[in-house]
Amino acid sequence: MDLVLRSQSDDDEPLTGTRVWVNGTLRGASLAGRLRTTLGGSAAASRVIRIVYECPEGYRNADGMMTLQVRPFRSLDQAGADALEVMLRCELVEHVAAIVVRVREPRSIPILLGGAEAAETDAAGFGVFTRRMPPGAVLEVTLNTAAFPDLRPASPSRTFVVSDVHEVFVFDQTFSVARAPVRKRFRPPRIVKIE
């Protein structure tokens, strides 16, 4: 009996390099998401097939060990291939988090990620950057307005949490501009002469 093993990522891309063991014996690694092996001898006679696989770098095993109970049956399609097909899922260890910042007061405002500068807004008020992060990672994005004391609120921040898919986070910020205090001109006191 033939065993066809298909290795895919959680975004349905075929993966190369997924190593597969069947009943404790290494059968090889997937190429373009596919590995075909023949179960001969005791593996073919066994009614239980244990499949263990190791995902390529950057991915983790989504299923752990798979145990298949094989029950013999007679195919109605005599010309059909005698192969068992199994899907092996691998999840990305990190996902792409794209952060889009839009400010309503277009200035070159530094954008901080976890306290370190990641980008800055442009003349149109936009700033964009990406990071690869594991699911559950917390992104703290801050607009550093230290160079612009007239902007309110001062250095606003937002927190985003990376999910288990690639994602775009939008930080839309409106500022108000504080007017400089008007200084009153000093007028010397008028002297009024009373007679």
N, C-alpha and C. Protein backbone atom coordinates (compact mmCIF):
# COMPACT_ATOMS: atom_id res chain seq x y z
N MET A 1 0.84 -1.18 0.00
CA MET A 1 0.00 0.00 0.00
C MET A 1 0.89 1.24 0.00
N ASP A 2 0.49 2.25 -0.80
CA ASP A 2 1.23 3.51 -0.84
C ASP A 2 0.60 4.50 0.11
N LEU A 3 1.45 5.35 0.66
CA LEU A 3 1.02 6.40 1.57
C LEU A 3 1.49 7.72 0.97
N VAL A 4 0.55 8.63 0.70
CA VAL A 4 0.88 9.95 0.16
C VAL A 4 0.68 10.95 1.29
N LEU A 5 1.76 11.65 1.63
CA LEU A 5 1.73 12.62 2.72
C LEU A 5 1.84 14.02 2.12
N ARG A 6 0.86 14.86 2.41
CA ARG A 6 0.87 16.23 1.89
C ARG A 6 1.13 17.18 3.06
N SER A 7 2.13 18.03 2.90
CA SER A 7 2.51 18.97 3.95
C SER A 7 2.14 20.39 3.51
N GLN A 8 1.31 21.05 4.35
CA GLN A 8 0.88 22.41 4.04
C GLN A 8 0.99 23.30 5.27
N SER A 9 1.19 24.60 4.98
CA SER A 9 1.20 25.58 6.06
C SER A 9 -0.23 25.95 6.42
N ASP A 10 -0.39 26.71 7.49
CA ASP A 10 -1.74 27.11 7.91
C ASP A 10 -2.37 28.11 6.95
N ASP A 11 -1.59 28.65 6.01
CA ASP A 11 -2.19 29.48 4.95
C ASP A 11 -2.21 28.73 3.61
N ASP A 12 -2.26 27.39 3.70
CA ASP A 12 -2.46 26.47 2.57
C ASP A 12 -1.36 26.48 1.52
N GLU A 13 -0.13 26.84 1.92
CA GLU A 13 1.01 26.77 1.00
C GLU A 13 1.69 25.41 1.15
N PRO A 14 2.05 24.74 0.04
CA PRO A 14 2.78 23.48 0.13
C PRO A 14 4.17 23.72 0.73
N LEU A 15 4.59 22.82 1.61
CA LEU A 15 5.87 23.00 2.29
C LEU A 15 6.89 21.95 1.86
N THR A 16 8.11 22.38 1.67
CA THR A 16 9.23 21.49 1.39
C THR A 16 10.04 21.33 2.67
N GLY A 17 10.47 20.11 2.94
CA GLY A 17 11.34 19.88 4.09
C GLY A 17 10.66 19.35 5.32
N THR A 18 9.39 18.95 5.23
CA THR A 18 8.72 18.33 6.38
C THR A 18 9.19 16.88 6.46
N ARG A 19 9.89 16.54 7.55
CA ARG A 19 10.41 15.18 7.72
C ARG A 19 9.34 14.30 8.35
N VAL A 20 9.21 13.05 7.84
CA VAL A 20 8.11 12.18 8.25
C VAL A 20 8.65 10.81 8.69
N TRP A 21 8.14 10.33 9.84
CA TRP A 21 8.41 8.99 10.34
C TRP A 21 7.10 8.21 10.33
N VAL A 22 7.13 7.00 9.81
CA VAL A 22 5.96 6.13 9.82
C VAL A 22 6.32 4.90 10.63
N ASN A 23 5.55 4.66 11.69
CA ASN A 23 5.81 3.55 12.63
C ASN A 23 7.27 3.52 13.07
N GLY A 24 7.83 4.70 13.35
CA GLY A 24 9.19 4.79 13.88
C GLY A 24 10.30 4.82 12.85
N THR A 25 9.98 4.69 11.56
CA THR A 25 11.01 4.68 10.52
C THR A 25 10.93 5.97 9.71
N LEU A 26 12.08 6.65 9.57
CA LEU A 26 12.13 7.88 8.78
C LEU A 26 11.86 7.54 7.32
N ARG A 27 10.86 8.19 6.72
CA ARG A 27 10.48 7.92 5.34
C ARG A 27 10.98 9.00 4.38
N GLY A 28 11.50 10.10 4.89
CA GLY A 28 12.03 11.16 4.03
C GLY A 28 11.43 12.50 4.38
N ALA A 29 11.60 13.45 3.45
CA ALA A 29 11.09 14.81 3.64
C ALA A 29 10.26 15.21 2.43
N SER A 30 9.28 16.05 2.68
CA SER A 30 8.38 16.48 1.59
C SER A 30 9.12 17.37 0.61
N LEU A 31 8.70 17.30 -0.64
CA LEU A 31 9.21 18.16 -1.69
C LEU A 31 7.99 18.81 -2.34
N ALA A 32 7.95 20.14 -2.33
CA ALA A 32 6.79 20.89 -2.84
C ALA A 32 5.50 20.39 -2.21
N GLY A 33 5.56 20.08 -0.92
CA GLY A 33 4.37 19.70 -0.17
C GLY A 33 3.94 18.26 -0.31
N ARG A 34 4.80 17.39 -0.87
CA ARG A 34 4.36 16.01 -1.12
C ARG A 34 5.47 15.01 -0.84
N LEU A 35 5.10 13.89 -0.22
CA LEU A 35 6.01 12.76 -0.01
C LEU A 35 5.20 11.49 -0.21
N ARG A 36 5.68 10.64 -1.10
CA ARG A 36 5.00 9.36 -1.36
C ARG A 36 5.93 8.25 -0.90
N THR A 37 5.38 7.34 -0.12
CA THR A 37 6.16 6.22 0.37
C THR A 37 5.33 4.95 0.29
N THR A 38 6.02 3.82 0.18
CA THR A 38 5.33 2.53 0.11
C THR A 38 5.45 1.84 1.45
N LEU A 39 4.30 1.38 1.96
CA LEU A 39 4.31 0.63 3.21
C LEU A 39 4.45 -0.84 2.85
N GLY A 40 5.59 -1.38 3.16
CA GLY A 40 5.83 -2.80 2.87
C GLY A 40 6.06 -3.56 4.15
N GLY A 41 6.11 -4.84 4.08
CA GLY A 41 6.41 -5.69 5.23
C GLY A 41 5.42 -5.53 6.36
N SER A 42 5.95 -5.38 7.57
CA SER A 42 5.10 -5.30 8.76
C SER A 42 4.25 -4.02 8.77
N ALA A 43 4.74 -2.93 8.14
CA ALA A 43 3.96 -1.69 8.11
C ALA A 43 2.70 -1.86 7.28
N ALA A 44 2.80 -2.62 6.19
CA ALA A 44 1.63 -2.84 5.34
C ALA A 44 0.64 -3.78 6.02
N ALA A 45 1.13 -4.74 6.78
CA ALA A 45 0.26 -5.69 7.45
C ALA A 45 -0.39 -5.10 8.70
N SER A 46 0.24 -4.05 9.25
CA SER A 46 -0.27 -3.44 10.48
C SER A 46 -1.58 -2.70 10.21
N ARG A 47 -2.48 -2.80 11.16
CA ARG A 47 -3.75 -2.08 11.02
C ARG A 47 -3.66 -0.71 11.66
N VAL A 48 -2.57 -0.42 12.36
CA VAL A 48 -2.37 0.89 12.98
C VAL A 48 -1.11 1.51 12.37
N ILE A 49 -1.25 2.73 11.88
CA ILE A 49 -0.12 3.46 11.33
C ILE A 49 0.09 4.71 12.18
N ARG A 50 1.29 4.85 12.70
CA ARG A 50 1.63 6.03 13.52
C ARG A 50 2.52 6.93 12.68
N ILE A 51 2.08 8.18 12.52
CA ILE A 51 2.82 9.15 11.71
C ILE A 51 3.28 10.28 12.63
N VAL A 52 4.57 10.50 12.62
CA VAL A 52 5.16 11.61 13.36
C VAL A 52 5.87 12.48 12.33
N TYR A 53 5.72 13.80 12.42
CA TYR A 53 6.40 14.66 11.45
C TYR A 53 6.98 15.89 12.13
N GLU A 54 8.02 16.38 11.48
CA GLU A 54 8.74 17.56 11.97
C GLU A 54 8.67 18.62 10.88
N CYS A 55 8.09 19.76 11.22
CA CYS A 55 7.91 20.83 10.23
C CYS A 55 9.24 21.53 9.94
N PRO A 56 9.35 22.16 8.77
CA PRO A 56 10.58 22.89 8.46
C PRO A 56 10.74 24.11 9.36
N GLU A 57 11.93 24.70 9.32
CA GLU A 57 12.24 25.86 10.15
C GLU A 57 11.25 26.98 9.88
N GLY A 58 10.80 27.62 10.96
CA GLY A 58 9.82 28.70 10.85
C GLY A 58 8.38 28.23 11.04
N TYR A 59 8.20 26.89 11.16
CA TYR A 59 6.88 26.29 11.34
C TYR A 59 6.90 25.35 12.53
N ARG A 60 5.72 25.10 13.09
CA ARG A 60 5.61 24.12 14.17
C ARG A 60 4.52 23.12 13.82
N ASN A 61 4.65 21.95 14.39
CA ASN A 61 3.71 20.86 14.15
C ASN A 61 2.36 21.22 14.74
N ALA A 62 1.33 21.16 13.93
CA ALA A 62 -0.01 21.54 14.38
C ALA A 62 -0.77 20.37 14.99
N ASP A 63 -0.39 19.14 14.65
CA ASP A 63 -1.19 17.98 15.06
C ASP A 63 -0.52 17.06 16.07
N GLY A 64 0.79 17.13 16.21
CA GLY A 64 1.48 16.15 17.04
C GLY A 64 1.55 14.83 16.31
N MET A 65 1.45 13.74 17.02
CA MET A 65 1.49 12.42 16.38
C MET A 65 0.10 12.06 15.89
N MET A 66 0.05 11.46 14.70
CA MET A 66 -1.22 11.00 14.14
C MET A 66 -1.25 9.48 14.18
N THR A 67 -2.36 8.93 14.60
CA THR A 67 -2.53 7.49 14.59
C THR A 67 -3.71 7.16 13.68
N LEU A 68 -3.46 6.31 12.68
CA LEU A 68 -4.51 5.93 11.74
C LEU A 68 -4.87 4.47 11.95
N GLN A 69 -6.14 4.20 12.06
CA GLN A 69 -6.64 2.84 12.13
C GLN A 69 -7.05 2.45 10.72
N VAL A 70 -6.37 1.48 10.12
CA VAL A 70 -6.64 1.09 8.74
C VAL A 70 -7.59 -0.10 8.75
N ARG A 71 -8.70 0.06 8.04
CA ARG A 71 -9.66 -1.03 7.90
C ARG A 71 -9.70 -1.44 6.43
N PRO A 72 -9.45 -2.68 6.15
CA PRO A 72 -9.46 -3.11 4.74
C PRO A 72 -10.87 -3.01 4.16
N PHE A 73 -10.93 -2.61 2.89
CA PHE A 73 -12.22 -2.57 2.20
C PHE A 73 -11.95 -2.87 0.73
N ARG A 74 -12.98 -3.17 0.06
CA ARG A 74 -12.86 -3.48 -1.35
C ARG A 74 -13.40 -2.30 -2.15
N SER A 75 -12.58 -1.75 -3.01
CA SER A 75 -12.96 -0.59 -3.79
C SER A 75 -13.89 -0.97 -4.92
N LEU A 76 -14.88 -0.14 -5.15
CA LEU A 76 -15.77 -0.35 -6.29
C LEU A 76 -15.07 0.04 -7.60
N ASP A 77 -14.08 0.92 -7.47
CA ASP A 77 -13.32 1.37 -8.62
C ASP A 77 -12.04 0.52 -8.70
N GLN A 78 -12.05 -0.54 -9.46
CA GLN A 78 -10.91 -1.45 -9.54
C GLN A 78 -9.69 -0.80 -10.17
N ALA A 79 -9.91 0.27 -10.95
CA ALA A 79 -8.78 0.94 -11.60
C ALA A 79 -8.17 2.00 -10.69
N GLY A 80 -8.81 2.25 -9.56
CA GLY A 80 -8.33 3.30 -8.66
C GLY A 80 -6.99 2.95 -8.04
N ALA A 81 -6.24 4.00 -7.68
CA ALA A 81 -4.92 3.80 -7.07
C ALA A 81 -5.09 3.30 -5.65
N ASP A 82 -4.20 2.42 -5.24
CA ASP A 82 -4.21 1.88 -3.89
C ASP A 82 -3.29 2.73 -3.02
N ALA A 83 -3.76 3.92 -2.65
CA ALA A 83 -2.94 4.83 -1.86
C ALA A 83 -3.81 5.51 -0.81
N LEU A 84 -3.20 5.73 0.33
CA LEU A 84 -3.85 6.43 1.42
C LEU A 84 -3.22 7.82 1.48
N GLU A 85 -4.04 8.88 1.46
CA GLU A 85 -3.51 10.25 1.46
C GLU A 85 -3.77 10.89 2.82
N VAL A 86 -2.73 11.51 3.39
CA VAL A 86 -2.81 12.13 4.71
C VAL A 86 -2.28 13.55 4.62
N MET A 87 -3.02 14.49 5.24
CA MET A 87 -2.60 15.89 5.26
C MET A 87 -1.85 16.18 6.56
N LEU A 88 -0.67 16.78 6.44
CA LEU A 88 0.14 17.18 7.58
C LEU A 88 0.14 18.71 7.65
N ARG A 89 -0.34 19.27 8.74
CA ARG A 89 -0.46 20.73 8.87
C ARG A 89 0.69 21.28 9.70
N CYS A 90 1.27 22.37 9.22
CA CYS A 90 2.32 23.08 9.94
C CYS A 90 1.89 24.54 10.11
N GLU A 91 2.04 25.04 11.32
CA GLU A 91 1.65 26.42 11.61
C GLU A 91 2.89 27.31 11.62
N LEU A 92 2.74 28.52 11.10
CA LEU A 92 3.83 29.48 11.16
C LEU A 92 4.15 29.80 12.62
N VAL A 93 5.43 29.88 12.92
CA VAL A 93 5.85 30.24 14.28
C VAL A 93 5.61 31.73 14.49
N GLU A 94 5.86 32.54 13.44
CA GLU A 94 5.66 33.98 13.52
C GLU A 94 4.75 34.44 12.38
N HIS A 95 4.02 35.51 12.65
CA HIS A 95 3.13 36.08 11.63
C HIS A 95 3.54 37.52 11.38
N VAL A 96 3.18 38.02 10.21
CA VAL A 96 3.50 39.40 9.85
C VAL A 96 2.46 40.32 10.46
N ALA A 97 2.96 41.30 11.20
CA ALA A 97 2.10 42.35 11.75
C ALA A 97 2.49 43.63 11.04
N ALA A 98 1.58 44.21 10.28
CA ALA A 98 1.82 45.48 9.59
C ALA A 98 1.12 46.57 10.39
N ILE A 99 1.86 47.61 10.73
CA ILE A 99 1.30 48.70 11.51
C ILE A 99 1.23 49.93 10.61
N VAL A 100 0.02 50.46 10.44
CA VAL A 100 -0.20 51.68 9.64
C VAL A 100 -0.60 52.78 10.61
N VAL A 101 0.16 53.87 10.59
CA VAL A 101 -0.12 55.00 11.47
C VAL A 101 -0.55 56.18 10.60
N ARG A 102 -1.64 56.80 11.02
CA ARG A 102 -2.12 58.00 10.32
C ARG A 102 -2.35 59.07 11.36
N VAL A 103 -1.73 60.22 11.14
CA VAL A 103 -1.94 61.35 12.04
C VAL A 103 -2.57 62.49 11.26
N ARG A 104 -3.41 63.25 11.92
CA ARG A 104 -4.13 64.35 11.26
C ARG A 104 -3.31 65.64 11.25
N GLU A 105 -2.16 65.63 11.89
CA GLU A 105 -1.28 66.80 11.91
C GLU A 105 0.01 66.35 11.23
N PRO A 106 0.10 66.54 9.88
CA PRO A 106 1.24 65.98 9.15
C PRO A 106 2.57 66.63 9.51
N ARG A 107 3.34 65.91 10.28
CA ARG A 107 4.71 66.29 10.66
C ARG A 107 5.52 65.00 10.71
N SER A 108 6.81 65.11 10.75
CA SER A 108 7.66 63.92 10.88
C SER A 108 7.73 63.51 12.35
N ILE A 109 6.75 62.72 12.74
CA ILE A 109 6.65 62.28 14.14
C ILE A 109 7.24 60.88 14.25
N PRO A 110 8.23 60.66 15.11
CA PRO A 110 8.80 59.32 15.27
C PRO A 110 7.76 58.34 15.82
N ILE A 111 7.76 57.12 15.27
CA ILE A 111 6.87 56.05 15.73
C ILE A 111 7.74 55.05 16.47
N LEU A 112 7.39 54.81 17.72
CA LEU A 112 8.16 53.89 18.56
C LEU A 112 7.43 52.57 18.71
N LEU A 113 8.18 51.48 18.68
CA LEU A 113 7.64 50.15 18.97
C LEU A 113 8.41 49.62 20.17
N GLY A 114 7.71 49.51 21.28
CA GLY A 114 8.37 49.06 22.51
C GLY A 114 9.48 49.98 22.95
N GLY A 115 9.36 51.27 22.66
CA GLY A 115 10.36 52.25 23.09
C GLY A 115 11.45 52.52 22.08
N ALA A 116 11.59 51.71 21.04
CA ALA A 116 12.62 51.91 20.01
C ALA A 116 11.97 52.45 18.75
N GLU A 117 12.67 53.37 18.07
CA GLU A 117 12.09 53.98 16.87
C GLU A 117 11.99 52.94 15.76
N ALA A 118 10.80 52.83 15.16
CA ALA A 118 10.54 51.86 14.10
C ALA A 118 10.31 52.55 12.76
N ALA A 119 9.79 53.78 12.77
CA ALA A 119 9.50 54.53 11.55
C ALA A 119 9.16 55.95 11.96
N GLU A 120 8.75 56.75 10.99
CA GLU A 120 8.22 58.09 11.30
C GLU A 120 7.17 58.45 10.27
N THR A 121 6.29 59.35 10.65
CA THR A 121 5.24 59.75 9.72
C THR A 121 5.83 60.66 8.65
N ASP A 122 5.22 60.64 7.46
CA ASP A 122 5.71 61.46 6.35
C ASP A 122 4.90 62.75 6.24
N ALA A 123 5.15 63.50 5.18
CA ALA A 123 4.48 64.80 4.99
C ALA A 123 2.97 64.66 4.85
N ALA A 124 2.50 63.47 4.42
CA ALA A 124 1.05 63.26 4.30
C ALA A 124 0.45 62.76 5.61
N GLY A 125 1.29 62.50 6.62
CA GLY A 125 0.79 62.05 7.92
C GLY A 125 0.72 60.55 8.08
N PHE A 126 1.40 59.78 7.19
CA PHE A 126 1.36 58.32 7.26
C PHE A 126 2.73 57.75 7.63
N GLY A 127 2.70 56.66 8.35
CA GLY A 127 3.90 55.88 8.66
C GLY A 127 3.52 54.41 8.66
N VAL A 128 4.37 53.57 8.03
CA VAL A 128 4.08 52.14 7.92
C VAL A 128 5.34 51.34 8.21
N PHE A 129 5.17 50.25 8.97
CA PHE A 129 6.28 49.31 9.16
C PHE A 129 5.71 47.93 9.47
N THR A 130 6.51 46.90 9.30
CA THR A 130 6.08 45.52 9.57
C THR A 130 7.06 44.84 10.50
N ARG A 131 6.57 43.84 11.20
CA ARG A 131 7.39 43.00 12.06
C ARG A 131 6.86 41.58 12.00
N ARG A 132 7.74 40.60 12.14
CA ARG A 132 7.34 39.19 12.29
C ARG A 132 7.32 38.90 13.78
N MET A 133 6.17 38.45 14.27
CA MET A 133 6.00 38.24 15.70
C MET A 133 5.23 36.94 15.93
N PRO A 134 5.47 36.27 17.07
CA PRO A 134 4.69 35.07 17.37
C PRO A 134 3.27 35.45 17.81
N PRO A 135 2.32 34.55 17.61
CA PRO A 135 0.96 34.83 18.07
C PRO A 135 0.94 35.12 19.57
N GLY A 136 0.16 36.12 19.95
CA GLY A 136 0.07 36.51 21.36
C GLY A 136 1.04 37.62 21.75
N ALA A 137 1.98 37.96 20.86
CA ALA A 137 2.93 39.04 21.18
C ALA A 137 2.18 40.37 21.27
N VAL A 138 2.61 41.21 22.18
CA VAL A 138 1.98 42.51 22.39
C VAL A 138 2.84 43.59 21.73
N LEU A 139 2.20 44.41 20.90
CA LEU A 139 2.88 45.52 20.23
C LEU A 139 2.44 46.81 20.89
N GLU A 140 3.36 47.53 21.48
CA GLU A 140 3.03 48.84 22.05
C GLU A 140 3.61 49.90 21.14
N VAL A 141 2.72 50.62 20.45
CA VAL A 141 3.11 51.63 19.47
C VAL A 141 2.85 53.01 20.06
N THR A 142 3.88 53.87 20.02
CA THR A 142 3.79 55.21 20.60
C THR A 142 4.21 56.24 19.57
N LEU A 143 3.50 57.34 19.52
CA LEU A 143 3.91 58.48 18.69
C LEU A 143 4.69 59.43 19.60
N ASN A 144 5.97 59.59 19.33
CA ASN A 144 6.84 60.39 20.19
C ASN A 144 6.74 61.86 19.80
N THR A 145 5.97 62.61 20.55
CA THR A 145 5.75 64.03 20.25
C THR A 145 6.63 64.95 21.09
N ALA A 146 7.72 64.41 21.65
CA ALA A 146 8.59 65.23 22.51
C ALA A 146 9.11 66.47 21.77
N ALA A 147 9.35 66.35 20.47
CA ALA A 147 9.86 67.50 19.69
C ALA A 147 8.75 68.48 19.31
N PHE A 148 7.52 68.13 19.62
CA PHE A 148 6.37 68.98 19.26
C PHE A 148 5.51 69.23 20.50
N PRO A 149 5.96 70.11 21.39
CA PRO A 149 5.21 70.33 22.64
C PRO A 149 3.84 70.96 22.45
N ASP A 150 3.55 71.46 21.24
CA ASP A 150 2.25 72.08 20.99
C ASP A 150 1.16 71.05 20.65
N LEU A 151 1.54 69.78 20.42
CA LEU A 151 0.55 68.76 20.07
C LEU A 151 -0.08 68.15 21.31
N ARG A 152 -1.39 67.99 21.26
CA ARG A 152 -2.14 67.34 22.33
C ARG A 152 -2.97 66.23 21.74
N PRO A 153 -3.02 65.03 22.29
CA PRO A 153 -2.33 64.59 23.50
C PRO A 153 -0.84 64.38 23.25
N ALA A 154 -0.08 64.42 24.31
CA ALA A 154 1.36 64.24 24.22
C ALA A 154 1.69 62.74 24.18
N SER A 155 2.47 62.37 23.18
CA SER A 155 2.96 60.99 22.99
C SER A 155 1.89 59.92 23.23
N PRO A 156 0.83 59.92 22.42
CA PRO A 156 -0.21 58.89 22.59
C PRO A 156 0.31 57.51 22.18
N SER A 157 -0.27 56.47 22.75
CA SER A 157 0.16 55.11 22.41
C SER A 157 -1.06 54.20 22.28
N ARG A 158 -0.86 53.10 21.57
CA ARG A 158 -1.89 52.06 21.39
C ARG A 158 -1.21 50.72 21.58
N THR A 159 -2.00 49.75 22.03
CA THR A 159 -1.50 48.38 22.22
C THR A 159 -2.27 47.45 21.30
N PHE A 160 -1.54 46.59 20.58
CA PHE A 160 -2.13 45.61 19.69
C PHE A 160 -1.59 44.23 20.06
N VAL A 161 -2.40 43.20 19.84
CA VAL A 161 -1.98 41.82 20.13
C VAL A 161 -1.97 41.04 18.81
N VAL A 162 -0.85 40.38 18.53
CA VAL A 162 -0.70 39.60 17.29
C VAL A 162 -1.53 38.34 17.40
N SER A 163 -2.34 38.07 16.37
CA SER A 163 -3.17 36.87 16.37
C SER A 163 -2.44 35.75 15.62
N ASP A 164 -3.16 34.70 15.28
CA ASP A 164 -2.53 33.57 14.60
C ASP A 164 -2.65 33.65 13.08
N VAL A 165 -2.84 34.87 12.56
CA VAL A 165 -2.84 35.12 11.11
C VAL A 165 -2.06 36.41 10.85
N HIS A 166 -1.65 36.63 9.60
CA HIS A 166 -1.04 37.90 9.23
C HIS A 166 -2.11 38.98 9.40
N GLU A 167 -1.69 40.15 9.90
CA GLU A 167 -2.70 41.14 10.24
C GLU A 167 -2.18 42.56 10.03
N VAL A 168 -3.10 43.49 9.73
CA VAL A 168 -2.78 44.91 9.60
C VAL A 168 -3.45 45.63 10.77
N PHE A 169 -2.64 46.40 11.52
CA PHE A 169 -3.15 47.20 12.63
C PHE A 169 -3.11 48.67 12.23
N VAL A 170 -4.18 49.40 12.52
CA VAL A 170 -4.26 50.82 12.15
C VAL A 170 -4.30 51.66 13.42
N PHE A 171 -3.40 52.63 13.48
CA PHE A 171 -3.32 53.58 14.58
C PHE A 171 -3.66 54.94 13.97
N ASP A 172 -4.89 55.41 14.19
CA ASP A 172 -5.38 56.67 13.62
C ASP A 172 -5.44 57.68 14.75
N GLN A 173 -4.65 58.75 14.65
CA GLN A 173 -4.56 59.70 15.76
C GLN A 173 -4.85 61.13 15.28
N THR A 174 -5.73 61.80 16.00
CA THR A 174 -6.01 63.21 15.77
C THR A 174 -5.37 64.01 16.89
N PHE A 175 -4.68 65.07 16.50
CA PHE A 175 -4.06 65.95 17.49
C PHE A 175 -4.76 67.30 17.47
N SER A 176 -4.71 67.97 18.58
CA SER A 176 -5.09 69.38 18.61
C SER A 176 -3.80 70.16 18.84
N VAL A 177 -3.75 71.35 18.29
CA VAL A 177 -2.55 72.17 18.42
C VAL A 177 -2.82 73.24 19.46
N ALA A 178 -2.01 73.22 20.52
CA ALA A 178 -2.17 74.21 21.58
C ALA A 178 -1.59 75.54 21.09
N ARG A 179 -2.34 76.59 21.26
CA ARG A 179 -1.85 77.90 20.84
C ARG A 179 -0.89 78.44 21.90
N ALA A 180 0.11 79.12 21.41
CA ALA A 180 1.06 79.74 22.34
C ALA A 180 0.32 80.84 23.11
N PRO A 181 0.60 80.95 24.40
CA PRO A 181 -0.10 81.98 25.17
C PRO A 181 0.24 83.38 24.62
N VAL A 182 -0.78 84.22 24.55
CA VAL A 182 -0.58 85.59 24.06
C VAL A 182 -0.02 86.42 25.21
N ARG A 183 1.09 87.03 24.94
CA ARG A 183 1.72 87.85 25.98
C ARG A 183 1.14 89.26 25.90
N LYS A 184 0.77 89.73 27.03
CA LYS A 184 0.26 91.10 27.07
C LYS A 184 1.45 92.06 27.04
N ARG A 185 1.23 93.09 26.27
CA ARG A 185 2.30 94.08 26.20
C ARG A 185 2.31 94.88 27.49
N PHE A 186 3.51 95.17 27.93
CA PHE A 186 3.66 95.96 29.15
C PHE A 186 3.40 97.42 28.82
N ARG A 187 2.47 97.96 29.55
CA ARG A 187 2.20 99.39 29.39
C ARG A 187 2.60 100.08 30.69
N PRO A 188 3.39 101.06 30.52
CA PRO A 188 3.76 101.79 31.75
C PRO A 188 2.51 102.48 32.32
N PRO A 189 2.44 102.55 33.60
CA PRO A 189 1.26 103.19 34.19
C PRO A 189 1.17 104.67 33.77
N ARG A 190 -0.06 105.07 33.55
CA ARG A 190 -0.28 106.49 33.22
C ARG A 190 -0.28 107.31 34.50
N ILE A 191 0.38 108.34 34.39
CA ILE A 191 0.40 109.24 35.55
C ILE A 191 -0.70 110.29 35.35
N VAL A 192 -1.55 110.31 36.30
CA VAL A 192 -2.65 111.28 36.24
C VAL A 192 -2.37 112.33 37.31
N LYS A 193 -2.33 113.48 36.84
CA LYS A 193 -2.02 114.57 37.77
C LYS A 193 -3.34 115.11 38.31
N ILE A 194 -3.46 115.12 39.60
CA ILE A 194 -4.67 115.64 40.23
C ILE A 194 -4.31 116.97 40.86
N GLU A 195 -5.11 117.96 40.57
CA GLU A 195 -4.84 119.29 41.12
C GLU A 195 -5.95 119.73 42.00
